[in-house]
Amino acid sequence: MATLDEVAERDGWRCWLCDLPVDPEMSVNDPRGPSVDAVITKAKSRKKGAVDERLAHRDCNTRKGAVTPVIAWADHLFLFDPAPILASVQRLEAKGGREVMARVPTMADGKEAGAWLVDRVSRLAPNLKLATKIEPGGGQFLLVLTA
């Protein structure tokens, strides 16, 4: 088990759930204060003792509880039918390959969403090497994440 400061430094003092900064000066008892979330994925639960520790706001960690969290897409992105980010990342970590993450109306929207997605996922799964592709499909474009 790592200390709070070790986990926070590794995660850049950003909450893995909401992606907002965590203030190192806040009390751990404050809802916006730092806490360590033990993340056990399905693949890791098979290996005894395999736990990832992530930095989270105390409030984000408490609200999540013992359920799989929903990692939200950014509100400013223009996309349709977005895939659940965390479930897609977990599949890519386990098997590699590609995941269709959303439909976008233009190539520019796809590039913006792809850049945001790679940045966001780089903090969720730092060891996973990812790239995005924008593929034409059905009069729109598909945002595809590959590992």
N, C-alpha and C. Protein backbone atom coordinates (compact mmCIF):
# COMPACT_ATOMS: atom_id res chain seq x y z
N MET A 1 0.84 -1.18 0.00
CA MET A 1 0.00 0.00 0.00
C MET A 1 0.89 1.24 0.00
N ALA A 2 0.58 2.15 -0.91
CA ALA A 2 1.32 3.40 -1.02
C ALA A 2 0.70 4.45 -0.09
N THR A 3 1.46 5.48 0.21
CA THR A 3 0.92 6.56 1.02
C THR A 3 0.09 7.49 0.14
N LEU A 4 -0.71 8.33 0.79
CA LEU A 4 -1.54 9.28 0.07
C LEU A 4 -0.68 10.18 -0.82
N ASP A 5 0.43 10.67 -0.29
CA ASP A 5 1.29 11.56 -1.07
C ASP A 5 1.90 10.85 -2.28
N GLU A 6 2.28 9.59 -2.13
CA GLU A 6 2.85 8.84 -3.26
C GLU A 6 1.82 8.66 -4.37
N VAL A 7 0.61 8.28 -3.99
CA VAL A 7 -0.46 8.10 -4.97
C VAL A 7 -0.80 9.43 -5.64
N ALA A 8 -0.90 10.50 -4.84
CA ALA A 8 -1.25 11.81 -5.36
C ALA A 8 -0.19 12.35 -6.32
N GLU A 9 1.07 12.19 -5.98
CA GLU A 9 2.15 12.65 -6.86
C GLU A 9 2.10 11.90 -8.19
N ARG A 10 1.90 10.59 -8.12
CA ARG A 10 1.83 9.79 -9.35
C ARG A 10 0.65 10.22 -10.22
N ASP A 11 -0.48 10.56 -9.60
CA ASP A 11 -1.68 10.94 -10.34
C ASP A 11 -1.75 12.44 -10.63
N GLY A 12 -0.70 13.17 -10.28
CA GLY A 12 -0.66 14.59 -10.59
C GLY A 12 -1.67 15.42 -9.82
N TRP A 13 -2.06 14.96 -8.64
CA TRP A 13 -3.04 15.65 -7.79
C TRP A 13 -4.35 15.92 -8.54
N ARG A 14 -4.79 14.94 -9.35
CA ARG A 14 -6.08 15.03 -10.05
C ARG A 14 -6.92 13.83 -9.65
N CYS A 15 -8.20 14.07 -9.42
CA CYS A 15 -9.14 13.01 -9.06
C CYS A 15 -9.37 12.12 -10.28
N TRP A 16 -9.21 10.83 -10.12
CA TRP A 16 -9.38 9.92 -11.25
C TRP A 16 -10.84 9.79 -11.66
N LEU A 17 -11.77 10.16 -10.77
CA LEU A 17 -13.19 10.03 -11.09
C LEU A 17 -13.75 11.25 -11.82
N CYS A 18 -13.50 12.45 -11.31
CA CYS A 18 -14.07 13.66 -11.92
C CYS A 18 -13.05 14.43 -12.74
N ASP A 19 -11.77 14.09 -12.64
CA ASP A 19 -10.68 14.71 -13.39
C ASP A 19 -10.41 16.15 -12.99
N LEU A 20 -10.89 16.58 -11.83
CA LEU A 20 -10.61 17.93 -11.34
C LEU A 20 -9.43 17.88 -10.37
N PRO A 21 -8.74 19.02 -10.20
CA PRO A 21 -7.59 19.03 -9.28
C PRO A 21 -8.01 18.74 -7.84
N VAL A 22 -7.12 18.10 -7.11
CA VAL A 22 -7.30 17.84 -5.68
C VAL A 22 -6.32 18.73 -4.95
N ASP A 23 -6.81 19.50 -4.00
CA ASP A 23 -5.97 20.44 -3.25
C ASP A 23 -5.22 19.68 -2.16
N PRO A 24 -3.88 19.66 -2.22
CA PRO A 24 -3.11 18.93 -1.20
C PRO A 24 -3.22 19.55 0.18
N GLU A 25 -3.66 20.80 0.26
CA GLU A 25 -3.78 21.48 1.55
C GLU A 25 -5.11 21.20 2.25
N MET A 26 -6.07 20.63 1.54
CA MET A 26 -7.39 20.33 2.13
C MET A 26 -7.26 19.20 3.13
N SER A 27 -8.10 19.25 4.13
CA SER A 27 -8.16 18.17 5.11
C SER A 27 -8.72 16.91 4.45
N VAL A 28 -8.23 15.76 4.86
CA VAL A 28 -8.77 14.50 4.33
C VAL A 28 -10.21 14.29 4.77
N ASN A 29 -10.68 15.06 5.75
CA ASN A 29 -12.06 14.96 6.20
C ASN A 29 -13.01 15.87 5.42
N ASP A 30 -12.46 16.79 4.62
CA ASP A 30 -13.26 17.69 3.80
C ASP A 30 -13.76 16.92 2.57
N PRO A 31 -14.99 17.16 2.11
CA PRO A 31 -15.50 16.46 0.93
C PRO A 31 -14.62 16.64 -0.32
N ARG A 32 -13.94 17.77 -0.47
CA ARG A 32 -13.06 18.01 -1.62
C ARG A 32 -11.62 17.67 -1.30
N GLY A 33 -11.38 17.11 -0.13
CA GLY A 33 -10.04 16.72 0.27
C GLY A 33 -9.60 15.43 -0.39
N PRO A 34 -8.31 15.09 -0.29
CA PRO A 34 -7.77 13.90 -0.95
C PRO A 34 -8.11 12.60 -0.22
N SER A 35 -8.30 11.56 -1.01
CA SER A 35 -8.43 10.21 -0.47
C SER A 35 -7.87 9.23 -1.49
N VAL A 36 -7.56 8.04 -1.04
CA VAL A 36 -7.05 7.00 -1.92
C VAL A 36 -8.18 6.00 -2.16
N ASP A 37 -8.43 5.74 -3.44
CA ASP A 37 -9.46 4.79 -3.84
C ASP A 37 -8.76 3.52 -4.31
N ALA A 38 -9.12 2.40 -3.72
CA ALA A 38 -8.58 1.11 -4.15
C ALA A 38 -9.44 0.60 -5.30
N VAL A 39 -8.85 0.50 -6.48
CA VAL A 39 -9.58 0.11 -7.69
C VAL A 39 -9.24 -1.34 -8.01
N ILE A 40 -10.25 -2.18 -8.01
CA ILE A 40 -10.05 -3.58 -8.36
C ILE A 40 -10.87 -3.86 -9.60
N THR A 41 -10.20 -4.13 -10.72
CA THR A 41 -10.91 -4.44 -11.95
C THR A 41 -11.20 -5.94 -11.97
N LYS A 42 -12.07 -6.35 -12.87
CA LYS A 42 -12.41 -7.77 -12.96
C LYS A 42 -11.19 -8.63 -13.24
N ALA A 43 -10.34 -8.15 -14.15
CA ALA A 43 -9.13 -8.92 -14.48
C ALA A 43 -8.20 -9.01 -13.28
N LYS A 44 -8.11 -7.94 -12.52
CA LYS A 44 -7.20 -7.92 -11.37
C LYS A 44 -7.77 -8.67 -10.18
N SER A 45 -9.11 -8.78 -10.10
CA SER A 45 -9.70 -9.48 -8.97
C SER A 45 -9.36 -10.97 -8.99
N ARG A 46 -9.00 -11.46 -10.17
CA ARG A 46 -8.62 -12.87 -10.27
C ARG A 46 -7.24 -13.13 -9.66
N LYS A 47 -6.41 -12.09 -9.66
CA LYS A 47 -5.08 -12.19 -9.08
C LYS A 47 -5.17 -11.72 -7.64
N LYS A 48 -4.91 -12.60 -6.73
CA LYS A 48 -5.04 -12.25 -5.31
C LYS A 48 -4.10 -11.10 -4.96
N GLY A 49 -4.67 -10.09 -4.32
CA GLY A 49 -3.89 -8.96 -3.86
C GLY A 49 -3.56 -7.92 -4.90
N ALA A 50 -4.09 -8.04 -6.13
CA ALA A 50 -3.80 -7.07 -7.18
C ALA A 50 -4.79 -5.90 -7.08
N VAL A 51 -4.29 -4.76 -6.61
CA VAL A 51 -5.13 -3.58 -6.40
C VAL A 51 -4.41 -2.35 -6.95
N ASP A 52 -5.12 -1.54 -7.70
CA ASP A 52 -4.60 -0.24 -8.12
C ASP A 52 -5.11 0.79 -7.14
N GLU A 53 -4.26 1.70 -6.77
CA GLU A 53 -4.66 2.80 -5.90
C GLU A 53 -4.67 4.08 -6.71
N ARG A 54 -5.75 4.84 -6.60
CA ARG A 54 -5.92 6.07 -7.36
C ARG A 54 -6.32 7.19 -6.43
N LEU A 55 -5.94 8.41 -6.79
CA LEU A 55 -6.32 9.58 -6.02
C LEU A 55 -7.74 10.00 -6.39
N ALA A 56 -8.53 10.32 -5.38
CA ALA A 56 -9.90 10.79 -5.60
C ALA A 56 -10.24 11.83 -4.54
N HIS A 57 -11.17 12.71 -4.86
CA HIS A 57 -11.73 13.56 -3.81
C HIS A 57 -12.46 12.65 -2.84
N ARG A 58 -12.48 12.99 -1.60
CA ARG A 58 -13.17 12.17 -0.61
C ARG A 58 -14.64 11.99 -0.99
N ASP A 59 -15.29 13.08 -1.43
CA ASP A 59 -16.69 13.03 -1.82
C ASP A 59 -16.91 12.14 -3.04
N CYS A 60 -16.05 12.24 -4.05
CA CYS A 60 -16.16 11.40 -5.25
C CYS A 60 -16.01 9.93 -4.87
N ASN A 61 -15.05 9.64 -4.02
CA ASN A 61 -14.78 8.28 -3.58
C ASN A 61 -15.97 7.72 -2.79
N THR A 62 -16.54 8.54 -1.92
CA THR A 62 -17.68 8.10 -1.11
C THR A 62 -18.90 7.85 -1.97
N ARG A 63 -19.18 8.77 -2.91
CA ARG A 63 -20.34 8.60 -3.79
C ARG A 63 -20.22 7.36 -4.66
N LYS A 64 -19.00 7.05 -5.10
CA LYS A 64 -18.78 5.88 -5.94
C LYS A 64 -19.07 4.60 -5.17
N GLY A 65 -18.63 4.56 -3.93
CA GLY A 65 -18.83 3.36 -3.12
C GLY A 65 -18.12 2.17 -3.73
N ALA A 66 -18.75 1.02 -3.68
CA ALA A 66 -18.15 -0.21 -4.18
C ALA A 66 -18.67 -0.58 -5.56
N VAL A 67 -19.22 0.38 -6.29
CA VAL A 67 -19.75 0.10 -7.63
C VAL A 67 -18.78 0.65 -8.68
N THR A 68 -18.93 0.17 -9.90
CA THR A 68 -18.12 0.68 -10.99
C THR A 68 -18.53 2.11 -11.29
N PRO A 69 -17.60 3.04 -11.28
CA PRO A 69 -17.95 4.45 -11.50
C PRO A 69 -18.25 4.75 -12.96
N VAL A 70 -18.93 5.84 -13.18
CA VAL A 70 -19.16 6.34 -14.52
C VAL A 70 -18.21 7.51 -14.73
N ILE A 71 -17.34 7.39 -15.70
CA ILE A 71 -16.42 8.47 -16.05
C ILE A 71 -17.11 9.27 -17.15
N ALA A 72 -17.44 10.51 -16.84
CA ALA A 72 -18.24 11.33 -17.76
C ALA A 72 -17.40 11.88 -18.91
N TRP A 73 -18.04 12.01 -20.06
CA TRP A 73 -17.46 12.71 -21.20
C TRP A 73 -17.56 14.20 -20.92
N ALA A 74 -16.66 14.99 -21.50
CA ALA A 74 -16.67 16.44 -21.33
C ALA A 74 -17.92 17.03 -21.99
N ASP A 75 -18.53 17.99 -21.33
CA ASP A 75 -19.76 18.61 -21.82
C ASP A 75 -19.57 19.37 -23.13
N HIS A 76 -18.39 19.88 -23.39
CA HIS A 76 -18.17 20.70 -24.59
C HIS A 76 -18.01 19.89 -25.87
N LEU A 77 -17.89 18.58 -25.77
CA LEU A 77 -17.71 17.74 -26.96
C LEU A 77 -19.04 17.50 -27.66
N PHE A 78 -19.01 17.52 -28.99
CA PHE A 78 -20.21 17.29 -29.79
C PHE A 78 -20.13 15.86 -30.32
N LEU A 79 -20.86 14.94 -29.65
CA LEU A 79 -20.83 13.54 -30.06
C LEU A 79 -22.16 12.86 -29.76
N PHE A 80 -22.36 11.72 -30.41
CA PHE A 80 -23.59 10.94 -30.25
C PHE A 80 -23.24 9.53 -29.79
N ASP A 81 -24.15 8.91 -29.08
CA ASP A 81 -24.00 7.52 -28.63
C ASP A 81 -22.64 7.24 -27.99
N PRO A 82 -22.23 8.04 -27.00
CA PRO A 82 -20.91 7.80 -26.40
C PRO A 82 -20.87 6.48 -25.63
N ALA A 83 -19.76 5.78 -25.78
CA ALA A 83 -19.56 4.52 -25.07
C ALA A 83 -19.12 4.81 -23.63
N PRO A 84 -19.39 3.90 -22.71
CA PRO A 84 -18.89 4.07 -21.34
C PRO A 84 -17.36 3.98 -21.35
N ILE A 85 -16.72 5.03 -20.89
CA ILE A 85 -15.27 5.14 -20.98
C ILE A 85 -14.55 4.06 -20.18
N LEU A 86 -14.92 3.89 -18.92
CA LEU A 86 -14.19 2.96 -18.06
C LEU A 86 -14.32 1.51 -18.54
N ALA A 87 -15.51 1.10 -18.92
CA ALA A 87 -15.70 -0.28 -19.41
C ALA A 87 -14.89 -0.52 -20.69
N SER A 88 -14.86 0.47 -21.57
CA SER A 88 -14.08 0.33 -22.81
C SER A 88 -12.60 0.23 -22.51
N VAL A 89 -12.11 1.05 -21.60
CA VAL A 89 -10.70 1.02 -21.23
C VAL A 89 -10.34 -0.32 -20.60
N GLN A 90 -11.21 -0.84 -19.76
CA GLN A 90 -10.93 -2.14 -19.13
C GLN A 90 -10.87 -3.25 -20.18
N ARG A 91 -11.74 -3.21 -21.19
CA ARG A 91 -11.67 -4.21 -22.26
C ARG A 91 -10.37 -4.07 -23.05
N LEU A 92 -9.98 -2.84 -23.35
CA LEU A 92 -8.73 -2.62 -24.09
C LEU A 92 -7.52 -3.06 -23.28
N GLU A 93 -7.54 -2.84 -21.97
CA GLU A 93 -6.44 -3.30 -21.12
C GLU A 93 -6.35 -4.82 -21.13
N ALA A 94 -7.49 -5.49 -21.12
CA ALA A 94 -7.50 -6.95 -21.04
C ALA A 94 -7.16 -7.61 -22.37
N LYS A 95 -7.70 -7.07 -23.48
CA LYS A 95 -7.57 -7.77 -24.75
C LYS A 95 -6.93 -6.97 -25.87
N GLY A 96 -6.74 -5.67 -25.67
CA GLY A 96 -6.24 -4.84 -26.76
C GLY A 96 -7.31 -4.67 -27.83
N GLY A 97 -6.90 -4.31 -29.02
CA GLY A 97 -7.84 -4.19 -30.12
C GLY A 97 -8.35 -2.78 -30.29
N ARG A 98 -9.66 -2.65 -30.58
CA ARG A 98 -10.26 -1.36 -30.84
C ARG A 98 -11.66 -1.29 -30.28
N GLU A 99 -12.07 -0.10 -29.95
CA GLU A 99 -13.41 0.17 -29.42
C GLU A 99 -13.98 1.39 -30.13
N VAL A 100 -15.20 1.29 -30.65
CA VAL A 100 -15.88 2.46 -31.18
C VAL A 100 -16.43 3.21 -29.98
N MET A 101 -15.98 4.45 -29.82
CA MET A 101 -16.31 5.21 -28.61
C MET A 101 -17.49 6.16 -28.79
N ALA A 102 -17.72 6.66 -30.01
CA ALA A 102 -18.82 7.60 -30.23
C ALA A 102 -18.96 7.87 -31.72
N ARG A 103 -20.09 8.47 -32.07
CA ARG A 103 -20.29 9.01 -33.42
C ARG A 103 -20.16 10.52 -33.32
N VAL A 104 -19.54 11.13 -34.34
CA VAL A 104 -19.37 12.58 -34.37
C VAL A 104 -19.82 13.10 -35.73
N PRO A 105 -20.34 14.35 -35.79
CA PRO A 105 -20.85 14.85 -37.06
C PRO A 105 -19.77 15.29 -38.05
N THR A 106 -18.61 15.73 -37.55
CA THR A 106 -17.56 16.20 -38.46
C THR A 106 -16.21 15.63 -38.05
N MET A 107 -15.28 15.70 -38.99
CA MET A 107 -13.91 15.25 -38.71
C MET A 107 -13.29 16.11 -37.61
N ALA A 108 -13.56 17.41 -37.62
CA ALA A 108 -13.01 18.30 -36.59
C ALA A 108 -13.54 17.94 -35.20
N ASP A 109 -14.84 17.62 -35.11
CA ASP A 109 -15.39 17.19 -33.82
C ASP A 109 -14.73 15.89 -33.36
N GLY A 110 -14.45 15.00 -34.31
CA GLY A 110 -13.80 13.74 -33.99
C GLY A 110 -12.38 13.95 -33.47
N LYS A 111 -11.65 14.86 -34.10
CA LYS A 111 -10.28 15.14 -33.65
C LYS A 111 -10.27 15.75 -32.25
N GLU A 112 -11.20 16.68 -32.01
CA GLU A 112 -11.28 17.30 -30.68
C GLU A 112 -11.64 16.26 -29.62
N ALA A 113 -12.65 15.43 -29.90
CA ALA A 113 -13.06 14.40 -28.94
C ALA A 113 -11.96 13.36 -28.76
N GLY A 114 -11.26 13.01 -29.83
CA GLY A 114 -10.17 12.03 -29.74
C GLY A 114 -9.03 12.53 -28.88
N ALA A 115 -8.65 13.80 -29.05
CA ALA A 115 -7.57 14.37 -28.25
C ALA A 115 -7.96 14.41 -26.77
N TRP A 116 -9.21 14.81 -26.50
CA TRP A 116 -9.68 14.83 -25.11
C TRP A 116 -9.68 13.42 -24.52
N LEU A 117 -10.16 12.45 -25.30
CA LEU A 117 -10.27 11.07 -24.82
C LEU A 117 -8.91 10.47 -24.49
N VAL A 118 -7.94 10.65 -25.37
CA VAL A 118 -6.60 10.11 -25.12
C VAL A 118 -6.00 10.76 -23.87
N ASP A 119 -6.18 12.08 -23.71
CA ASP A 119 -5.68 12.76 -22.52
C ASP A 119 -6.35 12.21 -21.26
N ARG A 120 -7.66 12.04 -21.29
CA ARG A 120 -8.41 11.56 -20.11
C ARG A 120 -8.03 10.12 -19.77
N VAL A 121 -7.95 9.28 -20.79
CA VAL A 121 -7.64 7.86 -20.54
C VAL A 121 -6.20 7.69 -20.10
N SER A 122 -5.31 8.61 -20.49
CA SER A 122 -3.92 8.50 -20.06
C SER A 122 -3.80 8.59 -18.54
N ARG A 123 -4.76 9.24 -17.90
CA ARG A 123 -4.75 9.31 -16.44
C ARG A 123 -5.50 8.13 -15.82
N LEU A 124 -6.44 7.54 -16.54
CA LEU A 124 -7.16 6.37 -16.03
C LEU A 124 -6.31 5.11 -16.12
N ALA A 125 -5.59 4.97 -17.22
CA ALA A 125 -4.76 3.79 -17.46
C ALA A 125 -3.41 4.25 -17.99
N PRO A 126 -2.52 4.71 -17.10
CA PRO A 126 -1.26 5.31 -17.55
C PRO A 126 -0.35 4.39 -18.36
N ASN A 127 -0.46 3.09 -18.18
CA ASN A 127 0.42 2.15 -18.88
C ASN A 127 -0.15 1.67 -20.21
N LEU A 128 -1.35 2.09 -20.56
CA LEU A 128 -2.00 1.66 -21.79
C LEU A 128 -1.68 2.65 -22.90
N LYS A 129 -1.06 2.18 -23.96
CA LYS A 129 -0.72 3.03 -25.11
C LYS A 129 -1.92 3.06 -26.05
N LEU A 130 -2.46 4.27 -26.27
CA LEU A 130 -3.69 4.41 -27.05
C LEU A 130 -3.51 5.37 -28.21
N ALA A 131 -4.37 5.21 -29.19
CA ALA A 131 -4.46 6.14 -30.31
C ALA A 131 -5.92 6.19 -30.73
N THR A 132 -6.29 7.27 -31.39
CA THR A 132 -7.65 7.38 -31.91
C THR A 132 -7.61 7.45 -33.42
N LYS A 133 -8.69 6.99 -34.02
CA LYS A 133 -8.89 7.10 -35.46
C LYS A 133 -10.29 7.66 -35.67
N ILE A 134 -10.44 8.46 -36.70
CA ILE A 134 -11.74 8.96 -37.09
C ILE A 134 -12.07 8.29 -38.41
N GLU A 135 -13.12 7.48 -38.43
CA GLU A 135 -13.48 6.72 -39.63
C GLU A 135 -14.85 7.16 -40.14
N PRO A 136 -15.00 7.33 -41.45
CA PRO A 136 -16.32 7.67 -41.99
C PRO A 136 -17.26 6.49 -41.83
N GLY A 137 -18.54 6.80 -41.56
CA GLY A 137 -19.52 5.73 -41.40
C GLY A 137 -20.93 6.27 -41.32
N GLY A 138 -21.75 5.94 -42.30
CA GLY A 138 -23.17 6.28 -42.26
C GLY A 138 -23.46 7.77 -42.31
N GLY A 139 -22.68 8.54 -43.07
CA GLY A 139 -22.92 9.97 -43.17
C GLY A 139 -22.33 10.77 -42.02
N GLN A 140 -21.76 10.08 -41.05
CA GLN A 140 -21.09 10.74 -39.92
C GLN A 140 -19.71 10.12 -39.80
N PHE A 141 -19.09 10.30 -38.68
CA PHE A 141 -17.77 9.73 -38.45
C PHE A 141 -17.79 8.96 -37.13
N LEU A 142 -16.97 7.91 -37.08
CA LEU A 142 -16.85 7.10 -35.86
C LEU A 142 -15.52 7.44 -35.18
N LEU A 143 -15.58 7.66 -33.88
CA LEU A 143 -14.38 7.86 -33.08
C LEU A 143 -13.98 6.50 -32.54
N VAL A 144 -12.82 6.02 -32.96
CA VAL A 144 -12.36 4.68 -32.60
C VAL A 144 -11.11 4.81 -31.74
N LEU A 145 -11.08 4.11 -30.62
CA LEU A 145 -9.93 4.08 -29.72
C LEU A 145 -9.25 2.73 -29.88
N THR A 146 -7.94 2.75 -30.14
CA THR A 146 -7.19 1.50 -30.32
C THR A 146 -6.07 1.40 -29.31
N ALA A 147 -5.80 0.17 -28.89
CA ALA A 147 -4.69 -0.10 -27.96
C ALA A 147 -3.67 -0.96 -28.66
